[in-house]
Full PDB file with SEQRES, HELIX, SHEET, SSBOND, CRYST1, ORIGX, SCALE, CONECT and MASTER records, all heavy atoms in Angstrom:
SEQRES   1 A   38  GLN ALA SER ALA GLU ARG ASP ASP ARG SER VAL LEU ASP          
SEQRES   2 A   38  PRO ALA VAL PRO LEU SER LEU PHE ASP ASP THR THR GLU          
SEQRES   3 A   38  SER ASP ASP GLU ASP ASP HIS GLY ASP ASN GLU PHE              
HELIX    1 AA1 ALA A    2  ASP A    7  1                                   6    
HELIX    2 AA2 LEU A   18  LEU A   20  5                                   3    
HELIX    3 AA3 GLU A   26  HIS A   33  1                                   8    
CRYST1    1.000    1.000    1.000  90.00  90.00  90.00 P 1           1          
ORIGX1      1.000000  0.000000  0.000000        0.00000                         
ORIGX2      0.000000  1.000000  0.000000        0.00000                         
ORIGX3      0.000000  0.000000  1.000000        0.00000                         
SCALE1      1.000000  0.000000  0.000000        0.00000                         
SCALE2      0.000000  1.000000  0.000000        0.00000                         
SCALE3      0.000000  0.000000  1.000000        0.00000                         
ATOM      1  N   GLN A   1      87.506  26.186 100.692  1.00  0.00           N  
ATOM      2  CA  GLN A   1      88.502  25.581 101.543  1.00  0.00           C  
ATOM      3  C   GLN A   1      89.416  26.725 102.132  1.00  0.00           C  
ATOM      4  O   GLN A   1      89.764  26.867 103.279  1.00  0.00           O  
ATOM      5  CB  GLN A   1      89.301  24.481 100.975  1.00  0.00           C  
ATOM      6  CG  GLN A   1      90.298  23.932 101.927  1.00  0.00           C  
ATOM      7  CD  GLN A   1      89.694  23.100 103.006  1.00  0.00           C  
ATOM      8  OE1 GLN A   1      88.763  22.437 102.876  1.00  0.00           O  
ATOM      9  NE2 GLN A   1      90.356  23.192 104.255  1.00  0.00           N  
ATOM     10  N   ALA A   2      89.768  27.565 101.060  1.00  0.00           N  
ATOM     11  CA  ALA A   2      90.703  28.661 101.387  1.00  0.00           C  
ATOM     12  C   ALA A   2      90.030  29.640 102.395  1.00  0.00           C  
ATOM     13  O   ALA A   2      90.597  30.028 103.361  1.00  0.00           O  
ATOM     14  CB  ALA A   2      91.129  29.445 100.166  1.00  0.00           C  
ATOM     15  N   SER A   3      88.705  29.888 102.114  1.00  0.00           N  
ATOM     16  CA  SER A   3      87.958  30.751 102.984  1.00  0.00           C  
ATOM     17  C   SER A   3      87.832  30.164 104.418  1.00  0.00           C  
ATOM     18  O   SER A   3      87.998  30.864 105.392  1.00  0.00           O  
ATOM     19  CB  SER A   3      86.531  31.070 102.381  1.00  0.00           C  
ATOM     20  OG  SER A   3      85.734  31.776 103.249  1.00  0.00           O  
ATOM     21  N   ALA A   4      87.563  28.867 104.378  1.00  0.00           N  
ATOM     22  CA  ALA A   4      87.411  28.204 105.795  1.00  0.00           C  
ATOM     23  C   ALA A   4      88.720  28.335 106.537  1.00  0.00           C  
ATOM     24  O   ALA A   4      88.708  28.558 107.724  1.00  0.00           O  
ATOM     25  CB  ALA A   4      87.020  26.786 105.587  1.00  0.00           C  
ATOM     26  N   GLU A   5      89.811  28.140 105.899  1.00  0.00           N  
ATOM     27  CA  GLU A   5      91.205  28.183 106.523  1.00  0.00           C  
ATOM     28  C   GLU A   5      91.483  29.574 106.973  1.00  0.00           C  
ATOM     29  O   GLU A   5      92.088  29.814 108.036  1.00  0.00           O  
ATOM     30  CB  GLU A   5      92.258  27.563 105.628  1.00  0.00           C  
ATOM     31  CG  GLU A   5      92.098  26.093 105.549  1.00  0.00           C  
ATOM     32  CD  GLU A   5      93.132  25.573 104.557  1.00  0.00           C  
ATOM     33  OE1 GLU A   5      94.029  26.295 104.037  1.00  0.00           O  
ATOM     34  OE2 GLU A   5      92.992  24.284 104.360  1.00  0.00           O  
ATOM     35  N   ARG A   6      91.089  30.607 106.239  1.00  0.00           N  
ATOM     36  CA  ARG A   6      91.308  31.979 106.651  1.00  0.00           C  
ATOM     37  C   ARG A   6      90.440  32.266 107.925  1.00  0.00           C  
ATOM     38  O   ARG A   6      90.895  32.934 108.865  1.00  0.00           O  
ATOM     39  CB  ARG A   6      90.935  32.966 105.497  1.00  0.00           C  
ATOM     40  CG  ARG A   6      92.083  33.194 104.578  1.00  0.00           C  
ATOM     41  CD  ARG A   6      91.718  34.392 103.630  1.00  0.00           C  
ATOM     42  NE  ARG A   6      90.473  34.319 102.962  1.00  0.00           N  
ATOM     43  CZ  ARG A   6      90.241  33.665 101.792  1.00  0.00           C  
ATOM     44  NH1 ARG A   6      91.218  33.067 101.183  1.00  0.00           N  
ATOM     45  NH2 ARG A   6      89.011  33.642 101.222  1.00  0.00           N  
ATOM     46  N   ASP A   7      89.244  31.718 107.867  1.00  0.00           N  
ATOM     47  CA  ASP A   7      88.284  31.970 109.039  1.00  0.00           C  
ATOM     48  C   ASP A   7      88.782  31.153 110.273  1.00  0.00           C  
ATOM     49  O   ASP A   7      88.515  31.613 111.421  1.00  0.00           O  
ATOM     50  CB  ASP A   7      86.913  31.646 108.717  1.00  0.00           C  
ATOM     51  CG  ASP A   7      86.340  32.487 107.622  1.00  0.00           C  
ATOM     52  OD1 ASP A   7      86.934  33.665 107.462  1.00  0.00           O  
ATOM     53  OD2 ASP A   7      85.406  32.133 107.020  1.00  0.00           O  
ATOM     54  N   ASP A   8      89.376  30.060 110.093  1.00  0.00           N  
ATOM     55  CA  ASP A   8      89.806  29.209 111.275  1.00  0.00           C  
ATOM     56  C   ASP A   8      91.276  29.505 111.489  1.00  0.00           C  
ATOM     57  O   ASP A   8      92.165  28.918 110.933  1.00  0.00           O  
ATOM     58  CB  ASP A   8      89.638  27.702 110.907  1.00  0.00           C  
ATOM     59  CG  ASP A   8      89.946  26.814 112.028  1.00  0.00           C  
ATOM     60  OD1 ASP A   8      90.373  27.269 113.076  1.00  0.00           O  
ATOM     61  OD2 ASP A   8      89.851  25.557 111.819  1.00  0.00           O  
ATOM     62  N   ARG A   9      91.524  30.240 112.575  1.00  0.00           N  
ATOM     63  CA  ARG A   9      92.925  30.617 112.816  1.00  0.00           C  
ATOM     64  C   ARG A   9      93.737  29.449 113.376  1.00  0.00           C  
ATOM     65  O   ARG A   9      94.957  29.518 113.488  1.00  0.00           O  
ATOM     66  CB  ARG A   9      92.900  31.768 113.928  1.00  0.00           C  
ATOM     67  CG  ARG A   9      92.252  33.028 113.262  1.00  0.00           C  
ATOM     68  CD  ARG A   9      92.150  34.117 114.358  1.00  0.00           C  
ATOM     69  NE  ARG A   9      93.401  34.483 114.858  1.00  0.00           N  
ATOM     70  CZ  ARG A   9      93.906  35.641 114.591  1.00  0.00           C  
ATOM     71  NH1 ARG A   9      93.382  36.534 113.686  1.00  0.00           N  
ATOM     72  NH2 ARG A   9      95.091  36.037 115.097  1.00  0.00           N  
ATOM     73  N   SER A  10      93.002  28.327 113.686  1.00  0.00           N  
ATOM     74  CA  SER A  10      93.858  27.211 114.157  1.00  0.00           C  
ATOM     75  C   SER A  10      94.495  26.428 113.081  1.00  0.00           C  
ATOM     76  O   SER A  10      95.359  25.564 113.258  1.00  0.00           O  
ATOM     77  CB  SER A  10      92.925  26.254 114.964  1.00  0.00           C  
ATOM     78  OG  SER A  10      92.028  25.613 114.197  1.00  0.00           O  
ATOM     79  N   VAL A  11      94.088  26.720 111.809  1.00  0.00           N  
ATOM     80  CA  VAL A  11      94.734  26.008 110.632  1.00  0.00           C  
ATOM     81  C   VAL A  11      95.817  27.033 110.197  1.00  0.00           C  
ATOM     82  O   VAL A  11      95.514  28.068 109.648  1.00  0.00           O  
ATOM     83  CB  VAL A  11      93.680  25.810 109.426  1.00  0.00           C  
ATOM     84  CG1 VAL A  11      94.436  25.127 108.241  1.00  0.00           C  
ATOM     85  CG2 VAL A  11      92.575  24.988 109.984  1.00  0.00           C  
ATOM     86  N   LEU A  12      97.063  26.571 110.435  1.00  0.00           N  
ATOM     87  CA  LEU A  12      98.164  27.432 110.034  1.00  0.00           C  
ATOM     88  C   LEU A  12      98.913  26.905 108.826  1.00  0.00           C  
ATOM     89  O   LEU A  12      99.189  25.696 108.770  1.00  0.00           O  
ATOM     90  CB  LEU A  12      99.134  27.599 111.231  1.00  0.00           C  
ATOM     91  CG  LEU A  12      98.606  28.240 112.504  1.00  0.00           C  
ATOM     92  CD1 LEU A  12      99.689  28.251 113.503  1.00  0.00           C  
ATOM     93  CD2 LEU A  12      98.106  29.579 112.200  1.00  0.00           C  
ATOM     94  N   ASP A  13      99.198  27.735 107.937  1.00  0.00           N  
ATOM     95  CA  ASP A  13     100.056  27.414 106.748  1.00  0.00           C  
ATOM     96  C   ASP A  13     101.470  27.739 107.134  1.00  0.00           C  
ATOM     97  O   ASP A  13     101.754  28.878 107.513  1.00  0.00           O  
ATOM     98  CB  ASP A  13      99.543  28.175 105.513  1.00  0.00           C  
ATOM     99  CG  ASP A  13     100.344  27.910 104.341  1.00  0.00           C  
ATOM    100  OD1 ASP A  13     101.395  27.225 104.306  1.00  0.00           O  
ATOM    101  OD2 ASP A  13      99.879  28.283 103.231  1.00  0.00           O  
ATOM    102  N   PRO A  14     102.352  26.757 107.043  1.00  0.00           N  
ATOM    103  CA  PRO A  14     103.764  27.108 107.376  1.00  0.00           C  
ATOM    104  C   PRO A  14     104.389  28.137 106.552  1.00  0.00           C  
ATOM    105  O   PRO A  14     105.370  28.795 106.964  1.00  0.00           O  
ATOM    106  CB  PRO A  14     104.443  25.798 107.246  1.00  0.00           C  
ATOM    107  CG  PRO A  14     103.554  24.883 106.575  1.00  0.00           C  
ATOM    108  CD  PRO A  14     102.202  25.447 106.620  1.00  0.00           C  
ATOM    109  N   ALA A  15     103.867  28.438 105.473  1.00  0.00           N  
ATOM    110  CA  ALA A  15     104.456  29.475 104.508  1.00  0.00           C  
ATOM    111  C   ALA A  15     103.957  30.845 104.913  1.00  0.00           C  
ATOM    112  O   ALA A  15     104.542  31.871 104.505  1.00  0.00           O  
ATOM    113  CB  ALA A  15     103.987  29.256 103.116  1.00  0.00           C  
ATOM    114  N   VAL A  16     102.927  31.041 105.815  1.00  0.00           N  
ATOM    115  CA  VAL A  16     102.446  32.250 106.273  1.00  0.00           C  
ATOM    116  C   VAL A  16     103.139  32.660 107.534  1.00  0.00           C  
ATOM    117  O   VAL A  16     103.166  31.911 108.529  1.00  0.00           O  
ATOM    118  CB  VAL A  16     100.869  32.197 106.555  1.00  0.00           C  
ATOM    119  CG1 VAL A  16     100.418  33.555 107.063  1.00  0.00           C  
ATOM    120  CG2 VAL A  16     100.209  31.844 105.170  1.00  0.00           C  
ATOM    121  N   PRO A  17     103.689  33.837 107.626  1.00  0.00           N  
ATOM    122  CA  PRO A  17     104.362  34.300 108.883  1.00  0.00           C  
ATOM    123  C   PRO A  17     103.468  34.379 110.026  1.00  0.00           C  
ATOM    124  O   PRO A  17     102.257  34.780 109.854  1.00  0.00           O  
ATOM    125  CB  PRO A  17     104.872  35.677 108.505  1.00  0.00           C  
ATOM    126  CG  PRO A  17     104.830  35.856 107.069  1.00  0.00           C  
ATOM    127  CD  PRO A  17     103.793  34.838 106.630  1.00  0.00           C  
ATOM    128  N   LEU A  18     103.839  33.744 111.181  1.00  0.00           N  
ATOM    129  CA  LEU A  18     103.002  33.796 112.331  1.00  0.00           C  
ATOM    130  C   LEU A  18     102.537  35.108 112.780  1.00  0.00           C  
ATOM    131  O   LEU A  18     101.527  35.339 113.398  1.00  0.00           O  
ATOM    132  CB  LEU A  18     103.718  33.045 113.537  1.00  0.00           C  
ATOM    133  CG  LEU A  18     103.824  31.505 113.338  1.00  0.00           C  
ATOM    134  CD1 LEU A  18     104.602  31.003 114.552  1.00  0.00           C  
ATOM    135  CD2 LEU A  18     102.514  30.905 113.148  1.00  0.00           C  
ATOM    136  N   SER A  19     103.331  36.186 112.514  1.00  0.00           N  
ATOM    137  CA  SER A  19     102.974  37.475 112.916  1.00  0.00           C  
ATOM    138  C   SER A  19     101.668  38.042 112.267  1.00  0.00           C  
ATOM    139  O   SER A  19     101.001  38.857 112.880  1.00  0.00           O  
ATOM    140  CB  SER A  19     104.094  38.590 112.525  1.00  0.00           C  
ATOM    141  OG  SER A  19     104.194  38.511 111.086  1.00  0.00           O  
ATOM    142  N   LEU A  20     101.261  37.348 111.199  1.00  0.00           N  
ATOM    143  CA  LEU A  20      99.959  37.744 110.612  1.00  0.00           C  
ATOM    144  C   LEU A  20      98.773  37.274 111.450  1.00  0.00           C  
ATOM    145  O   LEU A  20      97.713  37.737 111.371  1.00  0.00           O  
ATOM    146  CB  LEU A  20      99.847  37.102 109.241  1.00  0.00           C  
ATOM    147  CG  LEU A  20     100.790  37.606 108.158  1.00  0.00           C  
ATOM    148  CD1 LEU A  20     100.587  36.883 106.846  1.00  0.00           C  
ATOM    149  CD2 LEU A  20     100.634  39.104 107.869  1.00  0.00           C  
ATOM    150  N   PHE A  21      99.080  36.311 112.328  1.00  0.00           N  
ATOM    151  CA  PHE A  21      97.969  35.715 113.108  1.00  0.00           C  
ATOM    152  C   PHE A  21      97.987  36.443 114.580  1.00  0.00           C  
ATOM    153  O   PHE A  21      97.148  36.080 115.400  1.00  0.00           O  
ATOM    154  CB  PHE A  21      98.169  34.231 113.374  1.00  0.00           C  
ATOM    155  CG  PHE A  21      97.833  33.503 112.105  1.00  0.00           C  
ATOM    156  CD1 PHE A  21      99.013  33.038 111.294  1.00  0.00           C  
ATOM    157  CD2 PHE A  21      96.642  33.270 111.561  1.00  0.00           C  
ATOM    158  CE1 PHE A  21      98.785  32.456 110.122  1.00  0.00           C  
ATOM    159  CE2 PHE A  21      96.381  32.651 110.446  1.00  0.00           C  
ATOM    160  CZ  PHE A  21      97.427  32.246 109.619  1.00  0.00           C  
ATOM    161  N   ASP A  22      98.958  37.334 114.850  1.00  0.00           N  
ATOM    162  CA  ASP A  22      99.072  37.849 116.253  1.00  0.00           C  
ATOM    163  C   ASP A  22      98.254  39.085 116.272  1.00  0.00           C  
ATOM    164  O   ASP A  22      98.491  40.080 115.616  1.00  0.00           O  
ATOM    165  CB  ASP A  22     100.588  38.127 116.414  1.00  0.00           C  
ATOM    166  CG  ASP A  22     100.895  38.615 117.850  1.00  0.00           C  
ATOM    167  OD1 ASP A  22      99.956  38.464 118.604  1.00  0.00           O  
ATOM    168  OD2 ASP A  22     101.945  39.061 118.052  1.00  0.00           O  
ATOM    169  N   ASP A  23      97.295  39.080 117.239  1.00  0.00           N  
ATOM    170  CA  ASP A  23      96.462  40.187 117.433  1.00  0.00           C  
ATOM    171  C   ASP A  23      97.005  41.205 118.438  1.00  0.00           C  
ATOM    172  O   ASP A  23      96.428  42.261 118.647  1.00  0.00           O  
ATOM    173  CB  ASP A  23      95.024  39.788 117.960  1.00  0.00           C  
ATOM    174  CG  ASP A  23      94.183  39.211 116.960  1.00  0.00           C  
ATOM    175  OD1 ASP A  23      94.506  39.364 115.788  1.00  0.00           O  
ATOM    176  OD2 ASP A  23      93.272  38.281 117.220  1.00  0.00           O  
ATOM    177  N   THR A  24      98.102  40.847 119.131  1.00  0.00           N  
ATOM    178  CA  THR A  24      98.632  41.740 120.135  1.00  0.00           C  
ATOM    179  C   THR A  24      99.720  42.684 119.505  1.00  0.00           C  
ATOM    180  O   THR A  24     100.250  42.348 118.485  1.00  0.00           O  
ATOM    181  CB  THR A  24      99.226  40.913 121.295  1.00  0.00           C  
ATOM    182  OG1 THR A  24     100.267  40.166 120.747  1.00  0.00           O  
ATOM    183  CG2 THR A  24      98.209  40.020 121.860  1.00  0.00           C  
ATOM    184  N   THR A  25      99.955  43.682 120.230  1.00  0.00           N  
ATOM    185  CA  THR A  25     101.095  44.563 119.899  1.00  0.00           C  
ATOM    186  C   THR A  25     102.226  44.334 120.679  1.00  0.00           C  
ATOM    187  O   THR A  25     102.095  43.577 121.705  1.00  0.00           O  
ATOM    188  CB  THR A  25     100.647  46.072 120.030  1.00  0.00           C  
ATOM    189  OG1 THR A  25     100.437  46.298 121.430  1.00  0.00           O  
ATOM    190  CG2 THR A  25      99.392  46.398 119.119  1.00  0.00           C  
ATOM    191  N   GLU A  26     103.396  44.844 120.478  1.00  0.00           N  
ATOM    192  CA  GLU A  26     104.569  44.594 121.203  1.00  0.00           C  
ATOM    193  C   GLU A  26     104.293  45.059 122.699  1.00  0.00           C  
ATOM    194  O   GLU A  26     104.674  44.474 123.644  1.00  0.00           O  
ATOM    195  CB  GLU A  26     105.814  45.284 120.689  1.00  0.00           C  
ATOM    196  CG  GLU A  26     106.281  44.579 119.480  1.00  0.00           C  
ATOM    197  CD  GLU A  26     107.455  45.147 118.840  1.00  0.00           C  
ATOM    198  OE1 GLU A  26     108.258  45.739 119.739  1.00  0.00           O  
ATOM    199  OE2 GLU A  26     107.717  45.055 117.671  1.00  0.00           O  
ATOM    200  N   SER A  27     103.625  46.231 122.935  1.00  0.00           N  
ATOM    201  CA  SER A  27     103.342  46.743 124.283  1.00  0.00           C  
ATOM    202  C   SER A  27     102.409  45.831 124.926  1.00  0.00           C  
ATOM    203  O   SER A  27     102.464  45.617 126.125  1.00  0.00           O  
ATOM    204  CB  SER A  27     102.776  48.171 124.119  1.00  0.00           C  
ATOM    205  OG  SER A  27     101.553  48.136 123.521  1.00  0.00           O  
ATOM    206  N   ASP A  28     101.476  45.214 124.227  1.00  0.00           N  
ATOM    207  CA  ASP A  28     100.577  44.226 124.942  1.00  0.00           C  
ATOM    208  C   ASP A  28     101.455  43.004 125.431  1.00  0.00           C  
ATOM    209  O   ASP A  28     101.158  42.575 126.617  1.00  0.00           O  
ATOM    210  CB  ASP A  28      99.529  43.668 123.946  1.00  0.00           C  
ATOM    211  CG  ASP A  28      98.513  44.628 123.538  1.00  0.00           C  
ATOM    212  OD1 ASP A  28      98.311  45.635 124.285  1.00  0.00           O  
ATOM    213  OD2 ASP A  28      97.901  44.416 122.534  1.00  0.00           O  
ATOM    214  N   ASP A  29     102.316  42.596 124.652  1.00  0.00           N  
ATOM    215  CA  ASP A  29     103.216  41.415 125.039  1.00  0.00           C  
ATOM    216  C   ASP A  29     103.977  41.743 126.319  1.00  0.00           C  
ATOM    217  O   ASP A  29     104.090  41.001 127.236  1.00  0.00           O  
ATOM    218  CB  ASP A  29     104.180  40.965 123.951  1.00  0.00           C  
ATOM    219  CG  ASP A  29     103.461  40.296 122.850  1.00  0.00           C  
ATOM    220  OD1 ASP A  29     102.332  39.868 123.014  1.00  0.00           O  
ATOM    221  OD2 ASP A  29     104.107  40.247 121.762  1.00  0.00           O  
ATOM    222  N   GLU A  30     104.585  42.994 126.443  1.00  0.00           N  
ATOM    223  CA  GLU A  30     105.304  43.451 127.500  1.00  0.00           C  
ATOM    224  C   GLU A  30     104.470  43.434 128.764  1.00  0.00           C  
ATOM    225  O   GLU A  30     104.832  43.031 129.846  1.00  0.00           O  
ATOM    226  CB  GLU A  30     105.996  44.789 127.311  1.00  0.00           C  
ATOM    227  CG  GLU A  30     106.999  44.695 126.272  1.00  0.00           C  
ATOM    228  CD  GLU A  30     107.488  46.186 125.827  1.00  0.00           C  
ATOM    229  OE1 GLU A  30     107.074  47.056 126.348  1.00  0.00           O  
ATOM    230  OE2 GLU A  30     108.282  46.205 124.796  1.00  0.00           O  
ATOM    231  N   ASP A  31     103.227  43.966 128.647  1.00  0.00           N  
ATOM    232  CA  ASP A  31     102.263  44.060 129.805  1.00  0.00           C  
ATOM    233  C   ASP A  31     101.896  42.593 130.281  1.00  0.00           C  
ATOM    234  O   ASP A  31     101.748  42.476 131.499  1.00  0.00           O  
ATOM    235  CB  ASP A  31     100.988  44.775 129.455  1.00  0.00           C  
ATOM    236  CG  ASP A  31     101.220  46.224 129.110  1.00  0.00           C  
ATOM    237  OD1 ASP A  31     102.273  46.807 129.649  1.00  0.00           O  
ATOM    238  OD2 ASP A  31     100.355  46.901 128.481  1.00  0.00           O  
ATOM    239  N   ASP A  32     101.765  41.713 129.445  1.00  0.00           N  
ATOM    240  CA  ASP A  32     101.369  40.346 129.831  1.00  0.00           C  
ATOM    241  C   ASP A  32     102.383  39.609 130.611  1.00  0.00           C  
ATOM    242  O   ASP A  32     102.127  38.751 131.359  1.00  0.00           O  
ATOM    243  CB  ASP A  32     101.139  39.516 128.540  1.00  0.00           C  
ATOM    244  CG  ASP A  32      99.827  39.914 127.855  1.00  0.00           C  
ATOM    245  OD1 ASP A  32      99.029  40.669 128.526  1.00  0.00           O  
ATOM    246  OD2 ASP A  32      99.612  39.471 126.706  1.00  0.00           O  
ATOM    247  N   HIS A  33     103.672  40.026 130.456  1.00  0.00           N  
ATOM    248  CA  HIS A  33     104.790  39.240 131.059  1.00  0.00           C  
ATOM    249  C   HIS A  33     105.439  40.102 132.275  1.00  0.00           C  
ATOM    250  O   HIS A  33     106.330  39.558 132.884  1.00  0.00           O  
ATOM    251  CB  HIS A  33     105.836  38.910 130.122  1.00  0.00           C  
ATOM    252  CG  HIS A  33     105.239  38.067 128.925  1.00  0.00           C  
ATOM    253  ND1 HIS A  33     104.849  36.785 129.146  1.00  0.00           N  
ATOM    254  CD2 HIS A  33     105.072  38.370 127.599  1.00  0.00           C  
ATOM    255  CE1 HIS A  33     104.427  36.350 128.047  1.00  0.00           C  
ATOM    256  NE2 HIS A  33     104.557  37.140 127.133  1.00  0.00           N  
ATOM    257  N   GLY A  34     104.923  41.236 132.539  1.00  0.00           N  
ATOM    258  CA  GLY A  34     105.549  42.067 133.514  1.00  0.00           C  
ATOM    259  C   GLY A  34     105.876  41.375 134.862  1.00  0.00           C  
ATOM    260  O   GLY A  34     106.890  40.789 135.059  1.00  0.00           O  
ATOM    261  N   ASP A  35     104.932  41.573 135.867  1.00  0.00           N  
ATOM    262  CA  ASP A  35     105.176  40.998 137.156  1.00  0.00           C  
ATOM    263  C   ASP A  35     104.772  39.586 137.270  1.00  0.00           C  
ATOM    264  O   ASP A  35     105.042  38.907 138.363  1.00  0.00           O  
ATOM    265  CB  ASP A  35     104.335  41.843 138.177  1.00  0.00           C  
ATOM    266  CG  ASP A  35     104.804  43.261 138.232  1.00  0.00           C  
ATOM    267  OD1 ASP A  35     106.001  43.543 138.041  1.00  0.00           O  
ATOM    268  OD2 ASP A  35     103.929  44.093 138.437  1.00  0.00           O  
ATOM    269  N   ASN A  36     104.284  38.964 136.217  1.00  0.00           N  
ATOM    270  CA  ASN A  36     103.833  37.507 136.264  1.00  0.00           C  
ATOM    271  C   ASN A  36     104.789  36.562 135.765  1.00  0.00           C  
ATOM    272  O   ASN A  36     104.444  35.342 135.633  1.00  0.00           O  
ATOM    273  CB  ASN A  36     102.491  37.373 135.558  1.00  0.00           C  
ATOM    274  CG  ASN A  36     101.351  38.192 136.130  1.00  0.00           C  
ATOM    275  OD1 ASN A  36     101.342  38.538 137.334  1.00  0.00           O  
ATOM    276  ND2 ASN A  36     100.447  38.660 135.269  1.00  0.00           N  
ATOM    277  N   GLU A  37     106.047  36.900 135.552  1.00  0.00           N  
ATOM    278  CA  GLU A  37     107.007  35.958 135.107  1.00  0.00           C  
ATOM    279  C   GLU A  37     107.340  34.966 136.196  1.00  0.00           C  
ATOM    280  O   GLU A  37     107.527  35.323 137.336  1.00  0.00           O  
ATOM    281  CB  GLU A  37     108.328  36.657 134.685  1.00  0.00           C  
ATOM    282  CG  GLU A  37     108.102  37.075 133.165  1.00  0.00           C  
ATOM    283  CD  GLU A  37     109.448  37.412 132.650  1.00  0.00           C  
ATOM    284  OE1 GLU A  37     110.401  36.799 132.869  1.00  0.00           O  
ATOM    285  OE2 GLU A  37     109.398  38.482 131.904  1.00  0.00           O  
ATOM    286  N   PHE A  38     107.498  33.662 135.836  1.00  0.00           N  
ATOM    287  CA  PHE A  38     107.839  32.599 136.785  1.00  0.00           C  
ATOM    288  C   PHE A  38     109.144  32.054 136.313  1.00  0.00           C  
ATOM    289  O   PHE A  38     109.457  32.032 135.119  1.00  0.00           O  
ATOM    290  CB  PHE A  38     106.769  31.502 136.753  1.00  0.00           C  
ATOM    291  CG  PHE A  38     105.436  31.895 137.188  1.00  0.00           C  
ATOM    292  CD1 PHE A  38     104.376  32.024 136.319  1.00  0.00           C  
ATOM    293  CD2 PHE A  38     105.202  31.984 138.612  1.00  0.00           C  
ATOM    294  CE1 PHE A  38     103.155  32.269 136.703  1.00  0.00           C  
ATOM    295  CE2 PHE A  38     104.000  32.309 138.983  1.00  0.00           C  
ATOM    296  CZ  PHE A  38     102.877  32.505 138.156  1.00  0.00           C  
TER     297      PHE A  38                                                      
MASTER        0    0    0    3    0    0    0    6  296    1    0    3          
END                                                                             
């Protein structure tokens, strides 16, 4: 069960910081929001 939950990123444990699930870097985030902000 633990292995399945680690493999399934849609199952989040509230005790685990969300940053552990983030594959982007801060620079990636900035690029994503540059000229496309609404």
